[in-house]
Amino acid sequence: MTGTERTPVRPVGVVRRWVTDPLVPALLFAVGVLGTAASGHVLTWAVIGALTGYTLSGSV
């Protein structure tokens, strides 16, 4: 390889560029954290109920 020829690159659309942006997962994580904080009491009871059901089912 001499490095004189370049590989042609196709232009990408705006949507694909936005979806593959590294900031998108961080924003989704932040939204998830805020959603979890807003419904923390429900999630707490769901976890307690799941653990209780797991214990009472004889799996432990």
Protein backbone atom coordinates (compact mmCIF):
# COMPACT_ATOMS: atom_id res chain seq x y z
CA MET A 1 0.00 0.00 0.00
CA THR A 2 1.37 3.29 -1.01
CA GLY A 3 -1.31 5.41 0.62
CA THR A 4 -1.89 7.57 -2.46
CA GLU A 5 -5.42 6.35 -3.19
CA ARG A 6 -8.24 7.18 -0.84
CA THR A 7 -11.28 5.04 -0.27
CA PRO A 8 -14.46 6.84 -1.33
CA VAL A 9 -16.76 7.66 1.57
CA ARG A 10 -20.51 8.01 1.17
CA PRO A 11 -22.13 11.00 2.83
CA VAL A 12 -24.40 10.08 5.73
CA GLY A 13 -27.81 11.53 6.40
CA VAL A 14 -28.67 13.81 9.26
CA VAL A 15 -30.70 11.16 11.10
CA ARG A 16 -27.92 8.58 11.00
CA ARG A 17 -25.38 11.13 12.15
CA TRP A 18 -27.62 12.10 15.09
CA VAL A 19 -28.35 8.49 16.09
CA THR A 20 -24.67 7.49 16.06
CA ASP A 21 -23.58 10.54 18.03
CA PRO A 22 -21.76 9.54 21.24
CA LEU A 23 -23.89 11.97 23.23
CA VAL A 24 -27.11 10.03 22.56
CA PRO A 25 -26.44 7.16 25.04
CA ALA A 26 -25.52 9.68 27.73
CA LEU A 27 -28.76 11.57 27.18
CA LEU A 28 -30.80 8.35 27.26
CA PHE A 29 -29.08 7.33 30.48
CA ALA A 30 -29.82 10.73 32.04
CA VAL A 31 -33.50 10.45 31.07
CA GLY A 32 -33.60 6.94 32.56
CA VAL A 33 -32.07 8.15 35.80
CA LEU A 34 -34.61 10.97 36.07
CA GLY A 35 -37.46 8.56 35.34
CA THR A 36 -36.18 6.16 37.97
CA ALA A 37 -35.85 8.93 40.53
CA ALA A 38 -39.40 10.06 39.83
CA SER A 39 -40.84 6.58 40.31
CA GLY A 40 -38.45 5.31 42.98
CA HIS A 41 -41.16 4.32 45.43
CA VAL A 42 -42.85 2.11 42.84
CA LEU A 43 -39.57 0.47 41.90
CA THR A 44 -38.77 -0.16 45.56
CA TRP A 45 -42.03 -2.03 46.10
CA ALA A 46 -41.54 -3.92 42.83
CA VAL A 47 -38.11 -5.15 43.92
CA ILE A 48 -39.37 -6.10 47.38
CA GLY A 49 -42.30 -7.98 45.83
CA ALA A 50 -40.06 -9.79 43.39
CA LEU A 51 -37.65 -10.85 46.11
CA THR A 52 -40.53 -11.99 48.32
CA GLY A 53 -42.04 -14.03 45.51
CA TYR A 54 -38.66 -15.56 44.75
CA THR A 55 -38.21 -16.51 48.40
CA LEU A 56 -41.73 -17.92 48.83
CA SER A 57 -41.54 -19.96 45.65
CA GLY A 58 -38.91 -22.22 47.20
CA SER A 59 -36.14 -21.09 44.86
CA VAL A 60 -33.92 -20.11 47.76
